[in-house]
Amino acid sequence: MSDQRFIIEMGMGNSLYGQDYTKAAARAIEDAIRHSTIPMFDALGIASSEMRVQVTVGVQKPEAVDCDALVPLLPRGRATVRAVFGGMNVTNPDTGGVAVVASAAVEAFLPKQA
């Protein structure tokens, strides 16, 4: 039986100082899930552990993201996080400092229900 996506949330986060790609990614994930609640687990008697959560984070330097450190940010389900090229780096023309902007897509899947 294949999984069926039932939620997709988008978020954006940044690291204004320090060029911390993992911090920017964490903030994007938190932004995506901050306003979400899933009452269907209680309503349908489904354990949240049956949910598979797939997170894709876009940043300019995907190799600089510690994906394993981001998994605990997902409070329910079996989560995986992957970083891909995306997001944006914004350079301050006066100081040369770089602000890192990350985008995140958080998708939740359940086995197809009868």
PDB file of N, CA and C in Angstrom:
ATOM      1  N   MET A   1       0.849  -1.178   0.000  1.00  0.00           N
ATOM      2  CA  MET A   1       0.000   0.000   0.000  1.00  0.00           C
ATOM      3  C   MET A   1       0.893   1.239   0.000  1.00  0.00           C
ATOM      4  N   SER A   2       0.641   2.185  -0.889  1.00  0.00           N
ATOM      5  CA  SER A   2       1.491   3.373  -0.983  1.00  0.00           C
ATOM      6  C   SER A   2       0.985   4.479  -0.069  1.00  0.00           C
ATOM      7  N   ASP A   3       1.898   5.383   0.246  1.00  0.00           N
ATOM      8  CA  ASP A   3       1.542   6.528   1.077  1.00  0.00           C
ATOM      9  C   ASP A   3       0.801   7.572   0.266  1.00  0.00           C
ATOM     10  N   GLN A   4       0.003   8.367   0.969  1.00  0.00           N
ATOM     11  CA  GLN A   4      -0.763   9.423   0.341  1.00  0.00           C
ATOM     12  C   GLN A   4      -0.473  10.723   1.096  1.00  0.00           C
ATOM     13  N   ARG A   5      -0.071  11.762   0.358  1.00  0.00           N
ATOM     14  CA  ARG A   5       0.226  13.041   1.012  1.00  0.00           C
ATOM     15  C   ARG A   5      -1.075  13.693   1.432  1.00  0.00           C
ATOM     16  N   PHE A   6      -1.103  14.176   2.684  1.00  0.00           N
ATOM     17  CA  PHE A   6      -2.301  14.856   3.158  1.00  0.00           C
ATOM     18  C   PHE A   6      -2.007  16.249   3.690  1.00  0.00           C
ATOM     19  N   ILE A   7      -0.754  16.611   3.853  1.00  0.00           N
ATOM     20  CA  ILE A   7      -0.399  17.962   4.297  1.00  0.00           C
ATOM     21  C   ILE A   7       0.854  18.399   3.560  1.00  0.00           C
ATOM     22  N   ILE A   8       0.889  19.663   3.170  1.00  0.00           N
ATOM     23  CA  ILE A   8       2.125  20.308   2.741  1.00  0.00           C
ATOM     24  C   ILE A   8       2.094  21.722   3.294  1.00  0.00           C
ATOM     25  N   GLU A   9       3.142  22.081   3.997  1.00  0.00           N
ATOM     26  CA  GLU A   9       3.283  23.411   4.578  1.00  0.00           C
ATOM     27  C   GLU A   9       4.590  23.996   4.068  1.00  0.00           C
ATOM     28  N   MET A  10       4.612  25.298   3.849  1.00  0.00           N
ATOM     29  CA  MET A  10       5.811  25.984   3.380  1.00  0.00           C
ATOM     30  C   MET A  10       6.266  26.970   4.437  1.00  0.00           C
ATOM     31  N   GLY A  11       7.581  27.174   4.515  1.00  0.00           N
ATOM     32  CA  GLY A  11       8.109  28.136   5.469  1.00  0.00           C
ATOM     33  C   GLY A  11       9.376  28.782   4.962  1.00  0.00           C
ATOM     34  N   MET A  12       9.745  29.888   5.607  1.00  0.00           N
ATOM     35  CA  MET A  12      10.950  30.626   5.266  1.00  0.00           C
ATOM     36  C   MET A  12      11.652  30.996   6.552  1.00  0.00           C
ATOM     37  N   GLY A  13      12.979  30.892   6.540  1.00  0.00           N
ATOM     38  CA  GLY A  13      13.770  31.280   7.701  1.00  0.00           C
ATOM     39  C   GLY A  13      15.087  31.863   7.257  1.00  0.00           C
ATOM     40  N   ASN A  14      15.740  32.564   8.171  1.00  0.00           N
ATOM     41  CA  ASN A  14      17.010  33.174   7.787  1.00  0.00           C
ATOM     42  C   ASN A  14      18.013  33.163   8.928  1.00  0.00           C
ATOM     43  N   SER A  15      19.242  33.359   8.554  1.00  0.00           N
ATOM     44  CA  SER A  15      20.344  33.586   9.475  1.00  0.00           C
ATOM     45  C   SER A  15      20.965  34.907   9.031  1.00  0.00           C
ATOM     46  N   LEU A  16      20.700  35.952   9.792  1.00  0.00           N
ATOM     47  CA  LEU A  16      21.135  37.283   9.374  1.00  0.00           C
ATOM     48  C   LEU A  16      22.617  37.515   9.598  1.00  0.00           C
ATOM     49  N   TYR A  17      23.174  36.839  10.599  1.00  0.00           N
ATOM     50  CA  TYR A  17      24.601  37.001  10.897  1.00  0.00           C
ATOM     51  C   TYR A  17      25.201  35.612  11.084  1.00  0.00           C
ATOM     52  N   GLY A  18      26.369  35.405  10.596  1.00  0.00           N
ATOM     53  CA  GLY A  18      27.058  34.142  10.826  1.00  0.00           C
ATOM     54  C   GLY A  18      26.938  33.125   9.713  1.00  0.00           C
ATOM     55  N   GLN A  19      26.129  33.385   8.707  1.00  0.00           N
ATOM     56  CA  GLN A  19      25.952  32.471   7.581  1.00  0.00           C
ATOM     57  C   GLN A  19      25.723  31.034   8.046  1.00  0.00           C
ATOM     58  N   ASP A  20      24.794  30.845   8.969  1.00  0.00           N
ATOM     59  CA  ASP A  20      24.505  29.521   9.531  1.00  0.00           C
ATOM     60  C   ASP A  20      23.348  28.896   8.750  1.00  0.00           C
ATOM     61  N   TYR A  21      23.682  28.022   7.817  1.00  0.00           N
ATOM     62  CA  TYR A  21      22.675  27.411   6.946  1.00  0.00           C
ATOM     63  C   TYR A  21      21.742  26.491   7.723  1.00  0.00           C
ATOM     64  N   THR A  22      22.248  25.801   8.726  1.00  0.00           N
ATOM     65  CA  THR A  22      21.389  24.923   9.532  1.00  0.00           C
ATOM     66  C   THR A  22      20.399  25.754  10.342  1.00  0.00           C
ATOM     67  N   LYS A  23      20.846  26.871  10.904  1.00  0.00           N
ATOM     68  CA  LYS A  23      19.941  27.745  11.665  1.00  0.00           C
ATOM     69  C   LYS A  23      18.844  28.308  10.761  1.00  0.00           C
ATOM     70  N   ALA A  24      19.214  28.747   9.566  1.00  0.00           N
ATOM     71  CA  ALA A  24      18.217  29.261   8.629  1.00  0.00           C
ATOM     72  C   ALA A  24      17.221  28.171   8.251  1.00  0.00           C
ATOM     73  N   ALA A  25      17.717  26.956   8.025  1.00  0.00           N
ATOM     74  CA  ALA A  25      16.840  25.830   7.691  1.00  0.00           C
ATOM     75  C   ALA A  25      15.908  25.506   8.855  1.00  0.00           C
ATOM     76  N   ALA A  26      16.422  25.517  10.076  1.00  0.00           N
ATOM     77  CA  ALA A  26      15.597  25.246  11.257  1.00  0.00           C
ATOM     78  C   ALA A  26      14.476  26.272  11.378  1.00  0.00           C
ATOM     79  N   ARG A  27      14.791  27.510  11.143  1.00  0.00           N
ATOM     80  CA  ARG A  27      13.773  28.565  11.226  1.00  0.00           C
ATOM     81  C   ARG A  27      12.720  28.414  10.125  1.00  0.00           C
ATOM     82  N   ALA A  28      13.138  27.955   8.944  1.00  0.00           N
ATOM     83  CA  ALA A  28      12.176  27.722   7.862  1.00  0.00           C
ATOM     84  C   ALA A  28      11.231  26.578   8.218  1.00  0.00           C
ATOM     85  N   ILE A  29      11.771  25.519   8.806  1.00  0.00           N
ATOM     86  CA  ILE A  29      10.938  24.386   9.230  1.00  0.00           C
ATOM     87  C   ILE A  29       9.972  24.829  10.318  1.00  0.00           C
ATOM     88  N   GLU A  30      10.484  25.546  11.309  1.00  0.00           N
ATOM     89  CA  GLU A  30       9.621  26.026  12.398  1.00  0.00           C
ATOM     90  C   GLU A  30       8.527  26.937  11.853  1.00  0.00           C
ATOM     91  N   ASP A  31       8.849  27.797  10.883  1.00  0.00           N
ATOM     92  CA  ASP A  31       7.851  28.666  10.269  1.00  0.00           C
ATOM     93  C   ASP A  31       6.768  27.843   9.582  1.00  0.00           C
ATOM     94  N   ALA A  32       7.170  26.770   8.917  1.00  0.00           N
ATOM     95  CA  ALA A  32       6.202  25.940   8.197  1.00  0.00           C
ATOM     96  C   ALA A  32       5.238  25.233   9.145  1.00  0.00           C
ATOM     97  N   ILE A  33       5.725  24.780  10.296  1.00  0.00           N
ATOM     98  CA  ILE A  33       4.848  23.981  11.176  1.00  0.00           C
ATOM     99  C   ILE A  33       4.260  24.779  12.333  1.00  0.00           C
ATOM    100  N   ARG A  34       4.668  26.011  12.495  1.00  0.00           N
ATOM    101  CA  ARG A  34       4.254  26.812  13.656  1.00  0.00           C
ATOM    102  C   ARG A  34       2.743  26.951  13.784  1.00  0.00           C
ATOM    103  N   HIS A  35       2.044  27.079  12.691  1.00  0.00           N
ATOM    104  CA  HIS A  35       0.602  27.335  12.744  1.00  0.00           C
ATOM    105  C   HIS A  35      -0.225  26.102  12.391  1.00  0.00           C
ATOM    106  N   SER A  36       0.394  24.942  12.441  1.00  0.00           N
ATOM    107  CA  SER A  36      -0.308  23.721  12.053  1.00  0.00           C
ATOM    108  C   SER A  36      -0.755  22.934  13.277  1.00  0.00           C
ATOM    109  N   THR A  37      -1.887  22.323  13.142  1.00  0.00           N
ATOM    110  CA  THR A  37      -2.351  21.330  14.105  1.00  0.00           C
ATOM    111  C   THR A  37      -3.080  20.259  13.309  1.00  0.00           C
ATOM    112  N   ILE A  38      -2.964  19.020  13.755  1.00  0.00           N
ATOM    113  CA  ILE A  38      -3.553  17.920  12.998  1.00  0.00           C
ATOM    114  C   ILE A  38      -4.498  17.145  13.925  1.00  0.00           C
ATOM    115  N   PRO A  39      -5.748  17.587  14.024  1.00  0.00           N
ATOM    116  CA  PRO A  39      -6.682  16.910  14.914  1.00  0.00           C
ATOM    117  C   PRO A  39      -7.189  15.573  14.388  1.00  0.00           C
ATOM    118  N   MET A  40      -6.882  15.235  13.149  1.00  0.00           N
ATOM    119  CA  MET A  40      -7.426  14.005  12.574  1.00  0.00           C
ATOM    120  C   MET A  40      -6.902  12.748  13.251  1.00  0.00           C
ATOM    121  N   PHE A  41      -5.706  12.813  13.857  1.00  0.00           N
ATOM    122  CA  PHE A  41      -5.184  11.614  14.514  1.00  0.00           C
ATOM    123  C   PHE A  41      -6.133  11.159  15.617  1.00  0.00           C
ATOM    124  N   ASP A  42      -6.541  12.087  16.470  1.00  0.00           N
ATOM    125  CA  ASP A  42      -7.483  11.735  17.523  1.00  0.00           C
ATOM    126  C   ASP A  42      -8.857  11.403  16.942  1.00  0.00           C
ATOM    127  N   ALA A  43      -9.281  12.192  15.956  1.00  0.00           N
ATOM    128  CA  ALA A  43     -10.615  12.003  15.385  1.00  0.00           C
ATOM    129  C   ALA A  43     -10.766  10.652  14.704  1.00  0.00           C
ATOM    130  N   LEU A  44      -9.693  10.180  14.049  1.00  0.00           N
ATOM    131  CA  LEU A  44      -9.773   8.927  13.306  1.00  0.00           C
ATOM    132  C   LEU A  44      -9.128   7.747  14.024  1.00  0.00           C
ATOM    133  N   GLY A  45      -8.522   8.005  15.177  1.00  0.00           N
ATOM    134  CA  GLY A  45      -7.872   6.922  15.915  1.00  0.00           C
ATOM    135  C   GLY A  45      -6.606   6.414  15.245  1.00  0.00           C
ATOM    136  N   ILE A  46      -5.900   7.309  14.558  1.00  0.00           N
ATOM    137  CA  ILE A  46      -4.653   6.945  13.881  1.00  0.00           C
ATOM    138  C   ILE A  46      -3.490   7.418  14.747  1.00  0.00           C
ATOM    139  N   ALA A  47      -2.510   6.563  14.954  1.00  0.00           N
ATOM    140  CA  ALA A  47      -1.319   6.949  15.711  1.00  0.00           C
ATOM    141  C   ALA A  47      -0.458   7.865  14.848  1.00  0.00           C
ATOM    142  N   SER A  48       0.027   8.960  15.440  1.00  0.00           N
ATOM    143  CA  SER A  48       0.864   9.881  14.662  1.00  0.00           C
ATOM    144  C   SER A  48       2.170   9.226  14.224  1.00  0.00           C
ATOM    145  N   SER A  49       2.528   8.121  14.861  1.00  0.00           N
ATOM    146  CA  SER A  49       3.741   7.405  14.469  1.00  0.00           C
ATOM    147  C   SER A  49       3.600   6.753  13.081  1.00  0.00           C
ATOM    148  N   GLU A  50       2.372   6.644  12.581  1.00  0.00           N
ATOM    149  CA  GLU A  50       2.161   6.104  11.236  1.00  0.00           C
ATOM    150  C   GLU A  50       2.461   7.133  10.152  1.00  0.00           C
ATOM    151  N   MET A  51       2.586   8.396  10.555  1.00  0.00           N
ATOM    152  CA  MET A  51       2.813   9.472   9.596  1.00  0.00           C
ATOM    153  C   MET A  51       4.297   9.529   9.211  1.00  0.00           C
ATOM    154  N   ARG A  52       4.533   9.654   7.919  1.00  0.00           N
ATOM    155  CA  ARG A  52       5.884   9.883   7.409  1.00  0.00           C
ATOM    156  C   ARG A  52       5.988  11.360   7.055  1.00  0.00           C
ATOM    157  N   VAL A  53       7.006  12.019   7.586  1.00  0.00           N
ATOM    158  CA  VAL A  53       7.204  13.443   7.345  1.00  0.00           C
ATOM    159  C   VAL A  53       8.464  13.604   6.499  1.00  0.00           C
ATOM    160  N   GLN A  54       8.305  14.287   5.394  1.00  0.00           N
ATOM    161  CA  GLN A  54       9.406  14.500   4.451  1.00  0.00           C
ATOM    162  C   GLN A  54       9.636  16.004   4.342  1.00  0.00           C
ATOM    163  N   VAL A  55      10.842  16.446   4.697  1.00  0.00           N
ATOM    164  CA  VAL A  55      11.168  17.867   4.665  1.00  0.00           C
ATOM    165  C   VAL A  55      12.231  18.109   3.603  1.00  0.00           C
ATOM    166  N   THR A  56      11.997  19.109   2.781  1.00  0.00           N
ATOM    167  CA  THR A  56      12.978  19.542   1.804  1.00  0.00           C
ATOM    168  C   THR A  56      13.300  20.996   2.096  1.00  0.00           C
ATOM    169  N   VAL A  57      14.583  21.278   2.311  1.00  0.00           N
ATOM    170  CA  VAL A  57      15.038  22.626   2.623  1.00  0.00           C
ATOM    171  C   VAL A  57      15.917  23.116   1.481  1.00  0.00           C
ATOM    172  N   GLY A  58      15.612  24.297   0.973  1.00  0.00           N
ATOM    173  CA  GLY A  58      16.404  24.886  -0.100  1.00  0.00           C
ATOM    174  C   GLY A  58      17.298  25.992   0.420  1.00  0.00           C
ATOM    175  N   VAL A  59      18.604  25.868   0.188  1.00  0.00           N
ATOM    176  CA  VAL A  59      19.595  26.881   0.554  1.00  0.00           C
ATOM    177  C   VAL A  59      20.661  26.937  -0.541  1.00  0.00           C
ATOM    178  N   GLN A  60      21.436  27.990  -0.545  1.00  0.00           N
ATOM    179  CA  GLN A  60      22.486  28.143  -1.548  1.00  0.00           C
ATOM    180  C   GLN A  60      23.632  27.153  -1.354  1.00  0.00           C
ATOM    181  N   LYS A  61      23.846  26.683  -0.131  1.00  0.00           N
ATOM    182  CA  LYS A  61      24.912  25.706   0.137  1.00  0.00           C
ATOM    183  C   LYS A  61      24.312  24.504   0.872  1.00  0.00           C
ATOM    184  N   PRO A  62      23.654  23.591   0.146  1.00  0.00           N
ATOM    185  CA  PRO A  62      23.008  22.449   0.797  1.00  0.00           C
ATOM    186  C   PRO A  62      23.973  21.606   1.632  1.00  0.00           C
ATOM    187  N   GLU A  63      25.222  21.544   1.216  1.00  0.00           N
ATOM    188  CA  GLU A  63      26.204  20.737   1.945  1.00  0.00           C
ATOM    189  C   GLU A  63      26.521  21.326   3.321  1.00  0.00           C
ATOM    190  N   ALA A  64      26.132  22.572   3.573  1.00  0.00           N
ATOM    191  CA  ALA A  64      26.389  23.223   4.853  1.00  0.00           C
ATOM    192  C   ALA A  64      25.264  23.004   5.864  1.00  0.00           C
ATOM    193  N   VAL A  65      24.231  22.268   5.477  1.00  0.00           N
ATOM    194  CA  VAL A  65      23.094  22.011   6.369  1.00  0.00           C
ATOM    195  C   VAL A  65      23.290  20.671   7.062  1.00  0.00           C
ATOM    196  N   ASP A  66      23.162  20.660   8.378  1.00  0.00           N
ATOM    197  CA  ASP A  66      23.214  19.429   9.169  1.00  0.00           C
ATOM    198  C   ASP A  66      21.793  18.870   9.248  1.00  0.00           C
ATOM    199  N   CYS A  67      21.424  18.061   8.268  1.00  0.00           N
ATOM    200  CA  CYS A  67      20.053  17.537   8.179  1.00  0.00           C
ATOM    201  C   CYS A  67      19.683  16.693   9.396  1.00  0.00           C
ATOM    202  N   ASP A  68      20.610  15.925   9.926  1.00  0.00           N
ATOM    203  CA  ASP A  68      20.325  15.097  11.106  1.00  0.00           C
ATOM    204  C   ASP A  68      19.948  15.954  12.311  1.00  0.00           C
ATOM    205  N   ALA A  69      20.536  17.139  12.429  1.00  0.00           N
ATOM    206  CA  ALA A  69      20.224  18.034  13.552  1.00  0.00           C
ATOM    207  C   ALA A  69      18.823  18.630  13.423  1.00  0.00           C
ATOM    208  N   LEU A  70      18.251  18.610  12.229  1.00  0.00           N
ATOM    209  CA  LEU A  70      16.934  19.200  12.002  1.00  0.00           C
ATOM    210  C   LEU A  70      15.790  18.222  12.262  1.00  0.00           C
ATOM    211  N   VAL A  71      16.057  16.931  12.188  1.00  0.00           N
ATOM    212  CA  VAL A  71      14.999  15.926  12.366  1.00  0.00           C
ATOM    213  C   VAL A  71      14.244  16.092  13.694  1.00  0.00           C
ATOM    214  N   PRO A  72      14.928  16.354  14.821  1.00  0.00           N
ATOM    215  CA  PRO A  72      14.188  16.497  16.085  1.00  0.00           C
ATOM    216  C   PRO A  72      13.218  17.683  16.127  1.00  0.00           C
ATOM    217  N   LEU A  73      13.291  18.598  15.166  1.00  0.00           N
ATOM    218  CA  LEU A  73      12.352  19.719  15.129  1.00  0.00           C
ATOM    219  C   LEU A  73      10.946  19.278  14.747  1.00  0.00           C
ATOM    220  N   LEU A  74      10.840  18.095  14.154  1.00  0.00           N
ATOM    221  CA  LEU A  74       9.543  17.585  13.725  1.00  0.00           C
ATOM    222  C   LEU A  74       8.929  16.801  14.877  1.00  0.00           C
ATOM    223  N   PRO A  75       7.853  17.309  15.474  1.00  0.00           N
ATOM    224  CA  PRO A  75       7.340  16.735  16.721  1.00  0.00           C
ATOM    225  C   PRO A  75       6.594  15.415  16.589  1.00  0.00           C
ATOM    226  N   ARG A  76       6.166  15.062  15.382  1.00  0.00           N
ATOM    227  CA  ARG A  76       5.385  13.832  15.206  1.00  0.00           C
ATOM    228  C   ARG A  76       5.850  13.101  13.953  1.00  0.00           C
ATOM    229  N   GLY A  77       5.598  11.809  13.955  1.00  0.00           N
ATOM    230  CA  GLY A  77       5.866  11.021  12.763  1.00  0.00           C
ATOM    231  C   GLY A  77       7.322  10.610  12.627  1.00  0.00           C
ATOM    232  N   ARG A  78       7.578   9.945  11.516  1.00  0.00           N
ATOM    233  CA  ARG A  78       8.936   9.490  11.170  1.00  0.00           C
ATOM    234  C   ARG A  78       9.484  10.475  10.140  1.00  0.00           C
ATOM    235  N   ALA A  79      10.415  11.313  10.558  1.00  0.00           N
ATOM    236  CA  ALA A  79      10.853  12.419   9.723  1.00  0.00           C
ATOM    237  C   ALA A  79      12.183  12.157   9.034  1.00  0.00           C
ATOM    238  N   THR A  80      12.288  12.693   7.829  1.00  0.00           N
ATOM    239  CA  THR A  80      13.556  12.776   7.116  1.00  0.00           C
ATOM    240  C   THR A  80      13.690  14.205   6.602  1.00  0.00           C
ATOM    241  N   VAL A  81      14.930  14.675   6.548  1.00  0.00           N
ATOM    242  CA  VAL A  81      15.204  16.028   6.059  1.00  0.00           C
ATOM    243  C   VAL A  81      16.295  15.933   5.005  1.00  0.00           C
ATOM    244  N   ARG A  82      16.085  16.625   3.899  1.00  0.00           N
ATOM    245  CA  ARG A  82      17.137  16.706   2.885  1.00  0.00           C
ATOM    246  C   ARG A  82      17.292  18.163   2.464  1.00  0.00           C
ATOM    247  N   ALA A  83      18.510  18.534   2.153  1.00  0.00           N
ATOM    248  CA  ALA A  83      18.803  19.887   1.708  1.00  0.00           C
ATOM    249  C   ALA A  83      19.104  19.867   0.212  1.00  0.00           C
ATOM    250  N   VAL A  84      18.555  20.850  -0.482  1.00  0.00           N
ATOM    251  CA  VAL A  84      18.752  20.981  -1.921  1.00  0.00           C
ATOM    252  C   VAL A  84      19.161  22.422  -2.231  1.00  0.00           C
ATOM    253  N   PHE A  85      19.644  22.635  -3.441  1.00  0.00           N
ATOM    254  CA  PHE A  85      20.004  23.990  -3.843  1.00  0.00           C
ATOM    255  C   PHE A  85      18.740  24.822  -3.995  1.00  0.00           C
ATOM    256  N   GLY A  86      18.738  25.993  -3.391  1.00  0.00           N
ATOM    257  CA  GLY A  86      17.595  26.895  -3.459  1.00  0.00           C
ATOM    258  C   GLY A  86      17.838  28.059  -2.520  1.00  0.00           C
ATOM    259  N   GLY A  87      16.765  28.605  -1.989  1.00  0.00           N
ATOM    260  CA  GLY A  87      16.923  29.717  -1.065  1.00  0.00           C
ATOM    261  C   GLY A  87      17.643  30.880  -1.720  1.00  0.00           C
ATOM    262  N   MET A  88      18.334  31.659  -0.866  1.00  0.00           N
ATOM    263  CA  MET A  88      18.978  32.854  -1.390  1.00  0.00           C
ATOM    264  C   MET A  88      20.010  33.339  -0.384  1.00  0.00           C
ATOM    265  N   ASN A  89      21.104  33.869  -0.868  1.00  0.00           N
ATOM    266  CA  ASN A  89      22.059  34.601  -0.054  1.00  0.00           C
ATOM    267  C   ASN A  89      21.945  36.067  -0.441  1.00  0.00           C
ATOM    268  N   VAL A  90      21.870  36.939   0.564  1.00  0.00           N
ATOM    269  CA  VAL A  90      21.756  38.370   0.313  1.00  0.00           C
ATOM    270  C   VAL A  90      22.975  39.051   0.929  1.00  0.00           C
ATOM    271  N   THR A  91      23.765  39.711   0.096  1.00  0.00           N
ATOM    272  CA  THR A  91      24.987  40.368   0.559  1.00  0.00           C
ATOM    273  C   THR A  91      24.720  41.831   0.868  1.00  0.00           C
ATOM    274  N   ASN A  92      25.160  42.271   2.041  1.00  0.00           N
ATOM    275  CA  ASN A  92      25.077  43.673   2.418  1.00  0.00           C
ATOM    276  C   ASN A  92      26.183  44.421   1.675  1.00  0.00           C
ATOM    277  N   PRO A  93      25.839  45.376   0.812  1.00  0.00           N
ATOM    278  CA  PRO A  93      26.872  46.049   0.017  1.00  0.00           C
ATOM    279  C   PRO A  93      27.807  46.921   0.854  1.00  0.00           C
ATOM    280  N   ASP A  94      27.377  47.286   2.044  1.00  0.00           N
ATOM    281  CA  ASP A  94      28.208  48.144   2.883  1.00  0.00           C
ATOM    282  C   ASP A  94      29.233  47.362   3.685  1.00  0.00           C
ATOM    283  N   THR A  95      28.851  46.158   4.135  1.00  0.00           N
ATOM    284  CA  THR A  95      29.738  45.395   5.026  1.00  0.00           C
ATOM    285  C   THR A  95      30.262  44.117   4.393  1.00  0.00           C
ATOM    286  N   GLY A  96      29.608  43.649   3.356  1.00  0.00           N
ATOM    287  CA  GLY A  96      29.981  42.375   2.759  1.00  0.00           C
ATOM    288  C   GLY A  96      29.390  41.184   3.494  1.00  0.00           C
ATOM    289  N   GLY A  97      28.684  41.441   4.594  1.00  0.00           N
ATOM    290  CA  GLY A  97      28.034  40.354   5.342  1.00  0.00           C
ATOM    291  C   GLY A  97      26.957  39.692   4.504  1.00  0.00           C
ATOM    292  N   VAL A  98      26.759  38.407   4.738  1.00  0.00           N
ATOM    293  CA  VAL A  98      25.792  37.638   3.959  1.00  0.00           C
ATOM    294  C   VAL A  98      24.673  37.140   4.865  1.00  0.00           C
ATOM    295  N   ALA A  99      23.436  37.434   4.483  1.00  0.00           N
ATOM    296  CA  ALA A  99      22.260  36.880   5.155  1.00  0.00           C
ATOM    297  C   ALA A  99      21.817  35.658   4.362  1.00  0.00           C
ATOM    298  N   VAL A 100      21.597  34.556   5.062  1.00  0.00           N
ATOM    299  CA  VAL A 100      21.182  33.303   4.439  1.00  0.00           C
ATOM    300  C   VAL A 100      19.666  33.181   4.554  1.00  0.00           C
ATOM    301  N   VAL A 101      19.002  32.922   3.443  1.00  0.00           N
ATOM    302  CA  VAL A 101      17.558  32.717   3.424  1.00  0.00           C
ATOM    303  C   VAL A 101      17.293  31.286   2.975  1.00  0.00           C
ATOM    304  N   ALA A 102      16.541  30.551   3.786  1.00  0.00           N
ATOM    305  CA  ALA A 102      16.188  29.165   3.481  1.00  0.00           C
ATOM    306  C   ALA A 102      14.684  29.063   3.273  1.00  0.00           C
ATOM    307  N   SER A 103      14.291  28.158   2.407  1.00  0.00           N
ATOM    308  CA  SER A 103      12.874  27.831   2.251  1.00  0.00           C
ATOM    309  C   SER A 103      12.697  26.352   2.589  1.00  0.00           C
ATOM    310  N   ALA A 104      11.531  26.023   3.130  1.00  0.00           N
ATOM    311  CA  ALA A 104      11.274  24.635   3.517  1.00  0.00           C
ATOM    312  C   ALA A 104       9.888  24.211   3.075  1.00  0.00           C
ATOM    313  N   ALA A 105       9.801  22.972   2.622  1.00  0.00           N
ATOM    314  CA  ALA A 105       8.524  22.325   2.356  1.00  0.00           C
ATOM    315  C   ALA A 105       8.435  21.130   3.301  1.00  0.00           C
ATOM    316  N   VAL A 106       7.392  21.109   4.112  1.00  0.00           N
ATOM    317  CA  VAL A 106       7.166  20.009   5.054  1.00  0.00           C
ATOM    318  C   VAL A 106       5.934  19.259   4.564  1.00  0.00           C
ATOM    319  N   GLU A 107       6.153  17.999   4.192  1.00  0.00           N
ATOM    320  CA  GLU A 107       5.063  17.185   3.665  1.00  0.00           C
ATOM    321  C   GLU A 107       4.801  16.022   4.631  1.00  0.00           C
ATOM    322  N   ALA A 108       3.540  15.709   4.821  1.00  0.00           N
ATOM    323  CA  ALA A 108       3.160  14.593   5.681  1.00  0.00           C
ATOM    324  C   ALA A 108       2.368  13.585   4.867  1.00  0.00           C
ATOM    325  N   PHE A 109       2.691  12.318   5.089  1.00  0.00           N
ATOM    326  CA  PHE A 109       2.078  11.215   4.351  1.00  0.00           C
ATOM    327  C   PHE A 109       1.558  10.164   5.318  1.00  0.00           C
ATOM    328  N   LEU A 110       0.469   9.530   4.940  1.00  0.00           N
ATOM    329  CA  LEU A 110      -0.078   8.386   5.679  1.00  0.00           C
ATOM    330  C   LEU A 110      -0.332   7.263   4.682  1.00  0.00           C
ATOM    331  N   PRO A 111      -0.348   6.023   5.163  1.00  0.00           N
ATOM    332  CA  PRO A 111      -0.770   4.951   4.271  1.00  0.00           C
ATOM    333  C   PRO A 111      -2.184   5.236   3.775  1.00  0.00           C
ATOM    334  N   LYS A 112      -2.462   4.869   2.529  1.00  0.00           N
ATOM    335  CA  LYS A 112      -3.815   5.086   1.987  1.00  0.00           C
ATOM    336  C   LYS A 112      -4.832   4.461   2.911  1.00  0.00           C
ATOM    337  N   GLN A 113      -5.871   5.213   3.179  1.00  0.00           N
ATOM    338  CA  GLN A 113      -6.944   4.749   4.045  1.00  0.00           C
ATOM    339  C   GLN A 113      -8.055   4.124   3.202  1.00  0.00           C
ATOM    340  N   ALA A 114      -8.660   3.093   3.720  1.00  0.00           N
ATOM    341  CA  ALA A 114      -9.709   2.407   2.972  1.00  0.00           C
ATOM    342  C   ALA A 114     -10.973   3.240   2.917  1.00  0.00           C
TER     343      ALA A 114
END
